[in-house]
Amino acid sequence: ARTLRATDLPTTAHPATVAHLRRLAVVAE
């Protein structure tokens, strides 16, 4: 969680953004 929180949200491509959001969500869950 700490590693993911320290990583910026990718904004170059929506698929990369969604992938990062899903990693955040999976670890939170």
mmCIF file of all heavy atoms, coordinates in Angstrom:
data_MODEL
# 
_entry.id   MODEL 
# 
loop_
_atom_site.group_PDB 
_atom_site.id 
_atom_site.type_symbol 
_atom_site.label_atom_id 
_atom_site.label_alt_id 
_atom_site.label_comp_id 
_atom_site.label_asym_id 
_atom_site.label_entity_id 
_atom_site.label_seq_id 
_atom_site.pdbx_PDB_ins_code 
_atom_site.Cartn_x 
_atom_site.Cartn_y 
_atom_site.Cartn_z 
_atom_site.occupancy 
_atom_site.B_iso_or_equiv 
_atom_site.pdbx_formal_charge 
_atom_site.auth_seq_id 
_atom_site.auth_comp_id 
_atom_site.auth_asym_id 
_atom_site.auth_atom_id 
_atom_site.pdbx_PDB_model_num 
ATOM 1   N N   . ALA A 1 1  ? 0.833   -1.206 0.000   1.00 0.00 ? 1  ALA A N   1 
ATOM 2   C CA  . ALA A 1 1  ? 0.000   0.000  0.000   1.00 0.00 ? 1  ALA A CA  1 
ATOM 3   C C   . ALA A 1 1  ? 0.868   1.256  0.000   1.00 0.00 ? 1  ALA A C   1 
ATOM 4   O O   . ALA A 1 1  ? 0.601   2.201  -0.754  1.00 0.00 ? 1  ALA A O   1 
ATOM 5   C CB  . ALA A 1 1  ? -0.922  -0.007 1.219   1.00 0.00 ? 1  ALA A CB  1 
ATOM 6   N N   . ARG A 1 2  ? 1.901   1.266  0.809   1.00 0.00 ? 2  ARG A N   1 
ATOM 7   C CA  . ARG A 1 2  ? 2.785   2.440  0.869   1.00 0.00 ? 2  ARG A CA  1 
ATOM 8   C C   . ARG A 1 2  ? 3.494   2.661  -0.469  1.00 0.00 ? 2  ARG A C   1 
ATOM 9   O O   . ARG A 1 2  ? 3.637   3.796  -0.921  1.00 0.00 ? 2  ARG A O   1 
ATOM 10  C CB  . ARG A 1 2  ? 3.779   2.277  2.005   1.00 0.00 ? 2  ARG A CB  1 
ATOM 11  C CG  . ARG A 1 2  ? 3.118   2.432  3.357   1.00 0.00 ? 2  ARG A CG  1 
ATOM 12  C CD  . ARG A 1 2  ? 4.064   2.210  4.500   1.00 0.00 ? 2  ARG A CD  1 
ATOM 13  N NE  . ARG A 1 2  ? 3.349   2.431  5.763   1.00 0.00 ? 2  ARG A NE  1 
ATOM 14  C CZ  . ARG A 1 2  ? 3.765   1.962  6.911   1.00 0.00 ? 2  ARG A CZ  1 
ATOM 15  N NH1 . ARG A 1 2  ? 4.882   1.260  7.016   1.00 0.00 ? 2  ARG A NH1 1 
ATOM 16  N NH2 . ARG A 1 2  ? 3.053   2.207  8.014   1.00 0.00 ? 2  ARG A NH2 1 
ATOM 17  N N   . THR A 1 3  ? 3.924   1.584  -1.099  1.00 0.00 ? 3  THR A N   1 
ATOM 18  C CA  . THR A 1 3  ? 4.586   1.699  -2.399  1.00 0.00 ? 3  THR A CA  1 
ATOM 19  C C   . THR A 1 3  ? 3.618   2.247  -3.448  1.00 0.00 ? 3  THR A C   1 
ATOM 20  O O   . THR A 1 3  ? 3.963   3.164  -4.211  1.00 0.00 ? 3  THR A O   1 
ATOM 21  C CB  . THR A 1 3  ? 5.128   0.328  -2.853  1.00 0.00 ? 3  THR A CB  1 
ATOM 22  O OG1 . THR A 1 3  ? 6.072   -0.131 -1.880  1.00 0.00 ? 3  THR A OG1 1 
ATOM 23  C CG2 . THR A 1 3  ? 5.787   0.414  -4.212  1.00 0.00 ? 3  THR A CG2 1 
ATOM 24  N N   . LEU A 1 4  ? 2.417   1.699  -3.479  1.00 0.00 ? 4  LEU A N   1 
ATOM 25  C CA  . LEU A 1 4  ? 1.426   2.168  -4.451  1.00 0.00 ? 4  LEU A CA  1 
ATOM 26  C C   . LEU A 1 4  ? 1.029   3.618  -4.210  1.00 0.00 ? 4  LEU A C   1 
ATOM 27  O O   . LEU A 1 4  ? 0.849   4.381  -5.168  1.00 0.00 ? 4  LEU A O   1 
ATOM 28  C CB  . LEU A 1 4  ? 0.178   1.282  -4.405  1.00 0.00 ? 4  LEU A CB  1 
ATOM 29  C CG  . LEU A 1 4  ? 0.277   -0.041 -5.132  1.00 0.00 ? 4  LEU A CG  1 
ATOM 30  C CD1 . LEU A 1 4  ? -0.937  -0.906 -4.821  1.00 0.00 ? 4  LEU A CD1 1 
ATOM 31  C CD2 . LEU A 1 4  ? 0.399   0.181  -6.630  1.00 0.00 ? 4  LEU A CD2 1 
ATOM 32  N N   . ARG A 1 5  ? 0.878   3.989  -2.944  1.00 0.00 ? 5  ARG A N   1 
ATOM 33  C CA  . ARG A 1 5  ? 0.495   5.377  -2.649  1.00 0.00 ? 5  ARG A CA  1 
ATOM 34  C C   . ARG A 1 5  ? 1.565   6.365  -3.095  1.00 0.00 ? 5  ARG A C   1 
ATOM 35  O O   . ARG A 1 5  ? 1.270   7.492  -3.459  1.00 0.00 ? 5  ARG A O   1 
ATOM 36  C CB  . ARG A 1 5  ? 0.216   5.562  -1.155  1.00 0.00 ? 5  ARG A CB  1 
ATOM 37  C CG  . ARG A 1 5  ? -1.105  5.024  -0.717  1.00 0.00 ? 5  ARG A CG  1 
ATOM 38  C CD  . ARG A 1 5  ? -1.467  5.415  0.708   1.00 0.00 ? 5  ARG A CD  1 
ATOM 39  N NE  . ARG A 1 5  ? -0.475  5.086  1.714   1.00 0.00 ? 5  ARG A NE  1 
ATOM 40  C CZ  . ARG A 1 5  ? 0.365   5.967  2.282   1.00 0.00 ? 5  ARG A CZ  1 
ATOM 41  N NH1 . ARG A 1 5  ? 0.336   7.227  1.933   1.00 0.00 ? 5  ARG A NH1 1 
ATOM 42  N NH2 . ARG A 1 5  ? 1.231   5.582  3.204   1.00 0.00 ? 5  ARG A NH2 1 
ATOM 43  N N   . ALA A 1 6  ? 2.814   5.924  -3.065  1.00 0.00 ? 6  ALA A N   1 
ATOM 44  C CA  . ALA A 1 6  ? 3.923   6.799  -3.450  1.00 0.00 ? 6  ALA A CA  1 
ATOM 45  C C   . ALA A 1 6  ? 4.079   6.907  -4.961  1.00 0.00 ? 6  ALA A C   1 
ATOM 46  O O   . ALA A 1 6  ? 4.805   7.760  -5.449  1.00 0.00 ? 6  ALA A O   1 
ATOM 47  C CB  . ALA A 1 6  ? 5.215   6.284  -2.833  1.00 0.00 ? 6  ALA A CB  1 
ATOM 48  N N   . THR A 1 7  ? 3.378   6.058  -5.700  1.00 0.00 ? 7  THR A N   1 
ATOM 49  C CA  . THR A 1 7  ? 3.467   6.054  -7.159  1.00 0.00 ? 7  THR A CA  1 
ATOM 50  C C   . THR A 1 7  ? 2.419   6.998  -7.735  1.00 0.00 ? 7  THR A C   1 
ATOM 51  O O   . THR A 1 7  ? 1.244   6.934  -7.367  1.00 0.00 ? 7  THR A O   1 
ATOM 52  C CB  . THR A 1 7  ? 3.229   4.623  -7.695  1.00 0.00 ? 7  THR A CB  1 
ATOM 53  O OG1 . THR A 1 7  ? 4.149   3.742  -7.065  1.00 0.00 ? 7  THR A OG1 1 
ATOM 54  C CG2 . THR A 1 7  ? 3.396   4.576  -9.197  1.00 0.00 ? 7  THR A CG2 1 
ATOM 55  N N   . ASP A 1 8  ? 2.856   7.862  -8.629  1.00 0.00 ? 8  ASP A N   1 
ATOM 56  C CA  . ASP A 1 8  ? 1.923   8.791  -9.267  1.00 0.00 ? 8  ASP A CA  1 
ATOM 57  C C   . ASP A 1 8  ? 0.942   8.046  -10.162 1.00 0.00 ? 8  ASP A C   1 
ATOM 58  O O   . ASP A 1 8  ? 1.284   7.023  -10.758 1.00 0.00 ? 8  ASP A O   1 
ATOM 59  C CB  . ASP A 1 8  ? 2.675   9.827  -10.114 1.00 0.00 ? 8  ASP A CB  1 
ATOM 60  C CG  . ASP A 1 8  ? 3.468   10.799 -9.258  1.00 0.00 ? 8  ASP A CG  1 
ATOM 61  O OD1 . ASP A 1 8  ? 3.088   11.041 -8.101  1.00 0.00 ? 8  ASP A OD1 1 
ATOM 62  O OD2 . ASP A 1 8  ? 4.484   11.313 -9.755  1.00 0.00 ? 8  ASP A OD2 1 
ATOM 63  N N   . LEU A 1 9  ? -0.245  8.585  -10.273 1.00 0.00 ? 9  LEU A N   1 
ATOM 64  C CA  . LEU A 1 9  ? -1.265  8.037  -11.155 1.00 0.00 ? 9  LEU A CA  1 
ATOM 65  C C   . LEU A 1 9  ? -0.853  8.295  -12.600 1.00 0.00 ? 9  LEU A C   1 
ATOM 66  O O   . LEU A 1 9  ? -0.642  9.452  -12.989 1.00 0.00 ? 9  LEU A O   1 
ATOM 67  C CB  . LEU A 1 9  ? -2.620  8.685  -10.871 1.00 0.00 ? 9  LEU A CB  1 
ATOM 68  C CG  . LEU A 1 9  ? -3.800  8.219  -11.699 1.00 0.00 ? 9  LEU A CG  1 
ATOM 69  C CD1 . LEU A 1 9  ? -4.152  6.773  -11.328 1.00 0.00 ? 9  LEU A CD1 1 
ATOM 70  C CD2 . LEU A 1 9  ? -5.000  9.128  -11.471 1.00 0.00 ? 9  LEU A CD2 1 
ATOM 71  N N   . PRO A 1 10 ? -0.693  7.247  -13.408 1.00 0.00 ? 10 PRO A N   1 
ATOM 72  C CA  . PRO A 1 10 ? -0.346  7.471  -14.819 1.00 0.00 ? 10 PRO A CA  1 
ATOM 73  C C   . PRO A 1 10 ? -1.472  8.235  -15.520 1.00 0.00 ? 10 PRO A C   1 
ATOM 74  O O   . PRO A 1 10 ? -2.643  7.917  -15.347 1.00 0.00 ? 10 PRO A O   1 
ATOM 75  C CB  . PRO A 1 10 ? -0.228  6.058  -15.396 1.00 0.00 ? 10 PRO A CB  1 
ATOM 76  C CG  . PRO A 1 10 ? -0.138  5.141  -14.234 1.00 0.00 ? 10 PRO A CG  1 
ATOM 77  C CD  . PRO A 1 10 ? -0.811  5.833  -13.089 1.00 0.00 ? 10 PRO A CD  1 
ATOM 78  N N   . THR A 1 11 ? -1.110  9.223  -16.270 1.00 0.00 ? 11 THR A N   1 
ATOM 79  C CA  . THR A 1 11 ? -2.124  10.021 -16.973 1.00 0.00 ? 11 THR A CA  1 
ATOM 80  C C   . THR A 1 11 ? -1.919  10.019 -18.476 1.00 0.00 ? 11 THR A C   1 
ATOM 81  O O   . THR A 1 11 ? -2.650  10.685 -19.196 1.00 0.00 ? 11 THR A O   1 
ATOM 82  C CB  . THR A 1 11 ? -2.105  11.479 -16.467 1.00 0.00 ? 11 THR A CB  1 
ATOM 83  O OG1 . THR A 1 11 ? -0.787  12.003 -16.628 1.00 0.00 ? 11 THR A OG1 1 
ATOM 84  C CG2 . THR A 1 11 ? -2.528  11.565 -15.009 1.00 0.00 ? 11 THR A CG2 1 
ATOM 85  N N   . THR A 1 12 ? -0.918  9.256  -18.940 1.00 0.00 ? 12 THR A N   1 
ATOM 86  C CA  . THR A 1 12 ? -0.631  9.258  -20.373 1.00 0.00 ? 12 THR A CA  1 
ATOM 87  C C   . THR A 1 12 ? -1.634  8.438  -21.169 1.00 0.00 ? 12 THR A C   1 
ATOM 88  O O   . THR A 1 12 ? -1.965  8.787  -22.291 1.00 0.00 ? 12 THR A O   1 
ATOM 89  C CB  . THR A 1 12 ? 0.786   8.713  -20.637 1.00 0.00 ? 12 THR A CB  1 
ATOM 90  O OG1 . THR A 1 12 ? 0.908   7.433  -20.020 1.00 0.00 ? 12 THR A OG1 1 
ATOM 91  C CG2 . THR A 1 12 ? 1.837   9.655  -20.087 1.00 0.00 ? 12 THR A CG2 1 
ATOM 92  N N   . ALA A 1 13 ? -2.105  7.336  -20.588 1.00 0.00 ? 13 ALA A N   1 
ATOM 93  C CA  . ALA A 1 13 ? -3.066  6.484  -21.292 1.00 0.00 ? 13 ALA A CA  1 
ATOM 94  C C   . ALA A 1 13 ? -4.083  5.963  -20.279 1.00 0.00 ? 13 ALA A C   1 
ATOM 95  O O   . ALA A 1 13 ? -3.719  5.556  -19.180 1.00 0.00 ? 13 ALA A O   1 
ATOM 96  C CB  . ALA A 1 13 ? -2.349  5.323  -21.970 1.00 0.00 ? 13 ALA A CB  1 
ATOM 97  N N   . HIS A 1 14 ? -5.346  5.997  -20.669 1.00 0.00 ? 14 HIS A N   1 
ATOM 98  C CA  . HIS A 1 14 ? -6.390  5.567  -19.745 1.00 0.00 ? 14 HIS A CA  1 
ATOM 99  C C   . HIS A 1 14 ? -6.223  4.117  -19.289 1.00 0.00 ? 14 HIS A C   1 
ATOM 100 O O   . HIS A 1 14 ? -6.443  3.837  -18.106 1.00 0.00 ? 14 HIS A O   1 
ATOM 101 C CB  . HIS A 1 14 ? -7.776  5.814  -20.342 1.00 0.00 ? 14 HIS A CB  1 
ATOM 102 C CG  . HIS A 1 14 ? -8.890  5.617  -19.362 1.00 0.00 ? 14 HIS A CG  1 
ATOM 103 N ND1 . HIS A 1 14 ? -8.983  6.338  -18.185 1.00 0.00 ? 14 HIS A ND1 1 
ATOM 104 C CD2 . HIS A 1 14 ? -9.948  4.768  -19.361 1.00 0.00 ? 14 HIS A CD2 1 
ATOM 105 C CE1 . HIS A 1 14 ? -10.045 5.938  -17.513 1.00 0.00 ? 14 HIS A CE1 1 
ATOM 106 N NE2 . HIS A 1 14 ? -10.657 4.990  -18.208 1.00 0.00 ? 14 HIS A NE2 1 
ATOM 107 N N   . PRO A 1 15 ? -5.810  3.178  -20.145 1.00 0.00 ? 15 PRO A N   1 
ATOM 108 C CA  . PRO A 1 15 ? -5.616  1.806  -19.655 1.00 0.00 ? 15 PRO A CA  1 
ATOM 109 C C   . PRO A 1 15 ? -4.582  1.723  -18.521 1.00 0.00 ? 15 PRO A C   1 
ATOM 110 O O   . PRO A 1 15 ? -4.749  0.960  -17.578 1.00 0.00 ? 15 PRO A O   1 
ATOM 111 C CB  . PRO A 1 15 ? -5.166  1.033  -20.893 1.00 0.00 ? 15 PRO A CB  1 
ATOM 112 C CG  . PRO A 1 15 ? -5.756  1.786  -22.038 1.00 0.00 ? 15 PRO A CG  1 
ATOM 113 C CD  . PRO A 1 15 ? -5.689  3.230  -21.616 1.00 0.00 ? 15 PRO A CD  1 
ATOM 114 N N   . ALA A 1 16 ? -3.508  2.517  -18.606 1.00 0.00 ? 16 ALA A N   1 
ATOM 115 C CA  . ALA A 1 16 ? -2.498  2.525  -17.536 1.00 0.00 ? 16 ALA A CA  1 
ATOM 116 C C   . ALA A 1 16 ? -3.078  3.130  -16.257 1.00 0.00 ? 16 ALA A C   1 
ATOM 117 O O   . ALA A 1 16 ? -2.790  2.668  -15.145 1.00 0.00 ? 16 ALA A O   1 
ATOM 118 C CB  . ALA A 1 16 ? -1.267  3.299  -17.982 1.00 0.00 ? 16 ALA A CB  1 
ATOM 119 N N   . THR A 1 17 ? -3.909  4.138  -16.419 1.00 0.00 ? 17 THR A N   1 
ATOM 120 C CA  . THR A 1 17 ? -4.564  4.764  -15.267 1.00 0.00 ? 17 THR A CA  1 
ATOM 121 C C   . THR A 1 17 ? -5.476  3.758  -14.571 1.00 0.00 ? 17 THR A C   1 
ATOM 122 O O   . THR A 1 17 ? -5.437  3.613  -13.354 1.00 0.00 ? 17 THR A O   1 
ATOM 123 C CB  . THR A 1 17 ? -5.383  5.998  -15.718 1.00 0.00 ? 17 THR A CB  1 
ATOM 124 O OG1 . THR A 1 17 ? -4.513  6.916  -16.368 1.00 0.00 ? 17 THR A OG1 1 
ATOM 125 C CG2 . THR A 1 17 ? -6.069  6.671  -14.551 1.00 0.00 ? 17 THR A CG2 1 
ATOM 126 N N   . VAL A 1 18 ? -6.280  3.057  -15.351 1.00 0.00 ? 18 VAL A N   1 
ATOM 127 C CA  . VAL A 1 18 ? -7.202  2.065  -14.792 1.00 0.00 ? 18 VAL A CA  1 
ATOM 128 C C   . VAL A 1 18 ? -6.430  0.934  -14.122 1.00 0.00 ? 18 VAL A C   1 
ATOM 129 O O   . VAL A 1 18 ? -6.803  0.473  -13.033 1.00 0.00 ? 18 VAL A O   1 
ATOM 130 C CB  . VAL A 1 18 ? -8.164  1.515  -15.882 1.00 0.00 ? 18 VAL A CB  1 
ATOM 131 C CG1 . VAL A 1 18 ? -8.972  0.338  -15.362 1.00 0.00 ? 18 VAL A CG1 1 
ATOM 132 C CG2 . VAL A 1 18 ? -9.083  2.629  -16.371 1.00 0.00 ? 18 VAL A CG2 1 
ATOM 133 N N   . ALA A 1 19 ? -5.331  0.508  -14.733 1.00 0.00 ? 19 ALA A N   1 
ATOM 134 C CA  . ALA A 1 19 ? -4.521  -0.560 -14.140 1.00 0.00 ? 19 ALA A CA  1 
ATOM 135 C C   . ALA A 1 19 ? -3.985  -0.132 -12.775 1.00 0.00 ? 19 ALA A C   1 
ATOM 136 O O   . ALA A 1 19 ? -4.007  -0.914 -11.819 1.00 0.00 ? 19 ALA A O   1 
ATOM 137 C CB  . ALA A 1 19 ? -3.372  -0.934 -15.074 1.00 0.00 ? 19 ALA A CB  1 
ATOM 138 N N   . HIS A 1 20 ? -3.535  1.108  -12.662 1.00 0.00 ? 20 HIS A N   1 
ATOM 139 C CA  . HIS A 1 20 ? -3.031  1.601  -11.370 1.00 0.00 ? 20 HIS A CA  1 
ATOM 140 C C   . HIS A 1 20 ? -4.168  1.685  -10.344 1.00 0.00 ? 20 HIS A C   1 
ATOM 141 O O   . HIS A 1 20 ? -3.994  1.285  -9.191  1.00 0.00 ? 20 HIS A O   1 
ATOM 142 C CB  . HIS A 1 20 ? -2.352  2.963  -11.541 1.00 0.00 ? 20 HIS A CB  1 
ATOM 143 C CG  . HIS A 1 20 ? -1.727  3.467  -10.288 1.00 0.00 ? 20 HIS A CG  1 
ATOM 144 N ND1 . HIS A 1 20 ? -0.575  2.926  -9.769  1.00 0.00 ? 20 HIS A ND1 1 
ATOM 145 C CD2 . HIS A 1 20 ? -2.110  4.438  -9.429  1.00 0.00 ? 20 HIS A CD2 1 
ATOM 146 C CE1 . HIS A 1 20 ? -0.260  3.558  -8.649  1.00 0.00 ? 20 HIS A CE1 1 
ATOM 147 N NE2 . HIS A 1 20 ? -1.180  4.477  -8.422  1.00 0.00 ? 20 HIS A NE2 1 
ATOM 148 N N   . LEU A 1 21 ? -5.317  2.185  -10.778 1.00 0.00 ? 21 LEU A N   1 
ATOM 149 C CA  . LEU A 1 21 ? -6.474  2.257  -9.875  1.00 0.00 ? 21 LEU A CA  1 
ATOM 150 C C   . LEU A 1 21 ? -6.845  0.860  -9.373  1.00 0.00 ? 21 LEU A C   1 
ATOM 151 O O   . LEU A 1 21 ? -7.150  0.678  -8.185  1.00 0.00 ? 21 LEU A O   1 
ATOM 152 C CB  . LEU A 1 21 ? -7.680  2.882  -10.587 1.00 0.00 ? 21 LEU A CB  1 
ATOM 153 C CG  . LEU A 1 21 ? -7.622  4.380  -10.849 1.00 0.00 ? 21 LEU A CG  1 
ATOM 154 C CD1 . LEU A 1 21 ? -8.803  4.803  -11.710 1.00 0.00 ? 21 LEU A CD1 1 
ATOM 155 C CD2 . LEU A 1 21 ? -7.602  5.162  -9.544  1.00 0.00 ? 21 LEU A CD2 1 
ATOM 156 N N   . ARG A 1 22 ? -6.798  -0.111 -10.262 1.00 0.00 ? 22 ARG A N   1 
ATOM 157 C CA  . ARG A 1 22 ? -7.145  -1.478 -9.871  1.00 0.00 ? 22 ARG A CA  1 
ATOM 158 C C   . ARG A 1 22 ? -6.123  -2.047 -8.894  1.00 0.00 ? 22 ARG A C   1 
ATOM 159 O O   . ARG A 1 22 ? -6.491  -2.774 -7.969  1.00 0.00 ? 22 ARG A O   1 
ATOM 160 C CB  . ARG A 1 22 ? -7.306  -2.359 -11.103 1.00 0.00 ? 22 ARG A CB  1 
ATOM 161 C CG  . ARG A 1 22 ? -8.569  -1.969 -11.859 1.00 0.00 ? 22 ARG A CG  1 
ATOM 162 C CD  . ARG A 1 22 ? -9.077  -3.049 -12.763 1.00 0.00 ? 22 ARG A CD  1 
ATOM 163 N NE  . ARG A 1 22 ? -10.411 -2.661 -13.214 1.00 0.00 ? 22 ARG A NE  1 
ATOM 164 C CZ  . ARG A 1 22 ? -10.783 -2.652 -14.477 1.00 0.00 ? 22 ARG A CZ  1 
ATOM 165 N NH1 . ARG A 1 22 ? -9.962  -3.040 -15.421 1.00 0.00 ? 22 ARG A NH1 1 
ATOM 166 N NH2 . ARG A 1 22 ? -12.008 -2.277 -14.803 1.00 0.00 ? 22 ARG A NH2 1 
ATOM 167 N N   . ARG A 1 23 ? -4.850  -1.732 -9.075  1.00 0.00 ? 23 ARG A N   1 
ATOM 168 C CA  . ARG A 1 23 ? -3.846  -2.188 -8.102  1.00 0.00 ? 23 ARG A CA  1 
ATOM 169 C C   . ARG A 1 23 ? -4.126  -1.580 -6.732  1.00 0.00 ? 23 ARG A C   1 
ATOM 170 O O   . ARG A 1 23 ? -4.053  -2.267 -5.706  1.00 0.00 ? 23 ARG A O   1 
ATOM 171 C CB  . ARG A 1 23 ? -2.436  -1.839 -8.588  1.00 0.00 ? 23 ARG A CB  1 
ATOM 172 C CG  . ARG A 1 23 ? -1.924  -2.767 -9.676  1.00 0.00 ? 23 ARG A CG  1 
ATOM 173 C CD  . ARG A 1 23 ? -0.450  -2.566 -9.959  1.00 0.00 ? 23 ARG A CD  1 
ATOM 174 N NE  . ARG A 1 23 ? -0.155  -1.271 -10.558 1.00 0.00 ? 23 ARG A NE  1 
ATOM 175 C CZ  . ARG A 1 23 ? -0.221  -1.004 -11.859 1.00 0.00 ? 23 ARG A CZ  1 
ATOM 176 N NH1 . ARG A 1 23 ? -0.579  -1.951 -12.704 1.00 0.00 ? 23 ARG A NH1 1 
ATOM 177 N NH2 . ARG A 1 23 ? 0.074   0.191  -12.310 1.00 0.00 ? 23 ARG A NH2 1 
ATOM 178 N N   . LEU A 1 24 ? -4.452  -0.287 -6.700  1.00 0.00 ? 24 LEU A N   1 
ATOM 179 C CA  . LEU A 1 24 ? -4.808  0.362  -5.435  1.00 0.00 ? 24 LEU A CA  1 
ATOM 180 C C   . LEU A 1 24 ? -6.014  -0.332 -4.791  1.00 0.00 ? 24 LEU A C   1 
ATOM 181 O O   . LEU A 1 24 ? -6.018  -0.622 -3.593  1.00 0.00 ? 24 LEU A O   1 
ATOM 182 C CB  . LEU A 1 24 ? -5.138  1.847  -5.658  1.00 0.00 ? 24 LEU A CB  1 
ATOM 183 C CG  . LEU A 1 24 ? -3.997  2.801  -5.971  1.00 0.00 ? 24 LEU A CG  1 
ATOM 184 C CD1 . LEU A 1 24 ? -4.541  4.132  -6.479  1.00 0.00 ? 24 LEU A CD1 1 
ATOM 185 C CD2 . LEU A 1 24 ? -3.129  3.022  -4.738  1.00 0.00 ? 24 LEU A CD2 1 
ATOM 186 N N   . ALA A 1 25 ? -7.026  -0.608 -5.613  1.00 0.00 ? 25 ALA A N   1 
ATOM 187 C CA  . ALA A 1 25 ? -8.261  -1.221 -5.108  1.00 0.00 ? 25 ALA A CA  1 
ATOM 188 C C   . ALA A 1 25 ? -8.026  -2.642 -4.611  1.00 0.00 ? 25 ALA A C   1 
ATOM 189 O O   . ALA A 1 25 ? -8.567  -3.035 -3.569  1.00 0.00 ? 25 ALA A O   1 
ATOM 190 C CB  . ALA A 1 25 ? -9.334  -1.205 -6.194  1.00 0.00 ? 25 ALA A CB  1 
ATOM 191 N N   . VAL A 1 26 ? -7.235  -3.413 -5.346  1.00 0.00 ? 26 VAL A N   1 
ATOM 192 C CA  . VAL A 1 26 ? -6.979  -4.802 -4.953  1.00 0.00 ? 26 VAL A CA  1 
ATOM 193 C C   . VAL A 1 26 ? -6.235  -4.858 -3.625  1.00 0.00 ? 26 VAL A C   1 
ATOM 194 O O   . VAL A 1 26 ? -6.566  -5.661 -2.744  1.00 0.00 ? 26 VAL A O   1 
ATOM 195 C CB  . VAL A 1 26 ? -6.215  -5.544 -6.079  1.00 0.00 ? 26 VAL A CB  1 
ATOM 196 C CG1 . VAL A 1 26 ? -5.625  -6.845 -5.583  1.00 0.00 ? 26 VAL A CG1 1 
ATOM 197 C CG2 . VAL A 1 26 ? -7.145  -5.794 -7.257  1.00 0.00 ? 26 VAL A CG2 1 
ATOM 198 N N   . VAL A 1 27 ? -5.255  -3.995 -3.439  1.00 0.00 ? 27 VAL A N   1 
ATOM 199 C CA  . VAL A 1 27 ? -4.512  -3.983 -2.170  1.00 0.00 ? 27 VAL A CA  1 
ATOM 200 C C   . VAL A 1 27 ? -5.418  -3.501 -1.037  1.00 0.00 ? 27 VAL A C   1 
ATOM 201 O O   . VAL A 1 27 ? -5.394  -4.058 0.062   1.00 0.00 ? 27 VAL A O   1 
ATOM 202 C CB  . VAL A 1 27 ? -3.230  -3.134 -2.282  1.00 0.00 ? 27 VAL A CB  1 
ATOM 203 C CG1 . VAL A 1 27 ? -2.577  -2.934 -0.922  1.00 0.00 ? 27 VAL A CG1 1 
ATOM 204 C CG2 . VAL A 1 27 ? -2.250  -3.798 -3.239  1.00 0.00 ? 27 VAL A CG2 1 
ATOM 205 N N   . ALA A 1 28 ? -6.246  -2.484 -1.307  1.00 0.00 ? 28 ALA A N   1 
ATOM 206 C CA  . ALA A 1 28 ? -7.174  -2.009 -0.273  1.00 0.00 ? 28 ALA A CA  1 
ATOM 207 C C   . ALA A 1 28 ? -8.142  -3.121 0.128   1.00 0.00 ? 28 ALA A C   1 
ATOM 208 O O   . ALA A 1 28 ? -8.397  -3.332 1.326   1.00 0.00 ? 28 ALA A O   1 
ATOM 209 C CB  . ALA A 1 28 ? -7.943  -0.781 -0.783  1.00 0.00 ? 28 ALA A CB  1 
ATOM 210 N N   . GLU A 1 29 ? -8.664  -3.836 -0.860  1.00 0.00 ? 29 GLU A N   1 
ATOM 211 C CA  . GLU A 1 29 ? -9.593  -4.926 -0.567  1.00 0.00 ? 29 GLU A CA  1 
ATOM 212 C C   . GLU A 1 29 ? -8.909  -6.035 0.226   1.00 0.00 ? 29 GLU A C   1 
ATOM 213 O O   . GLU A 1 29 ? -9.444  -6.534 1.220   1.00 0.00 ? 29 GLU A O   1 
ATOM 214 C CB  . GLU A 1 29 ? -10.175 -5.486 -1.863  1.00 0.00 ? 29 GLU A CB  1 
ATOM 215 C CG  . GLU A 1 29 ? -11.186 -6.598 -1.637  1.00 0.00 ? 29 GLU A CG  1 
ATOM 216 C CD  . GLU A 1 29 ? -11.764 -7.118 -2.937  1.00 0.00 ? 29 GLU A CD  1 
ATOM 217 O OE1 . GLU A 1 29 ? -11.016 -7.257 -3.925  1.00 0.00 ? 29 GLU A OE1 1 
ATOM 218 O OE2 . GLU A 1 29 ? -12.970 -7.398 -2.958  1.00 0.00 ? 29 GLU A OE2 1 
# 
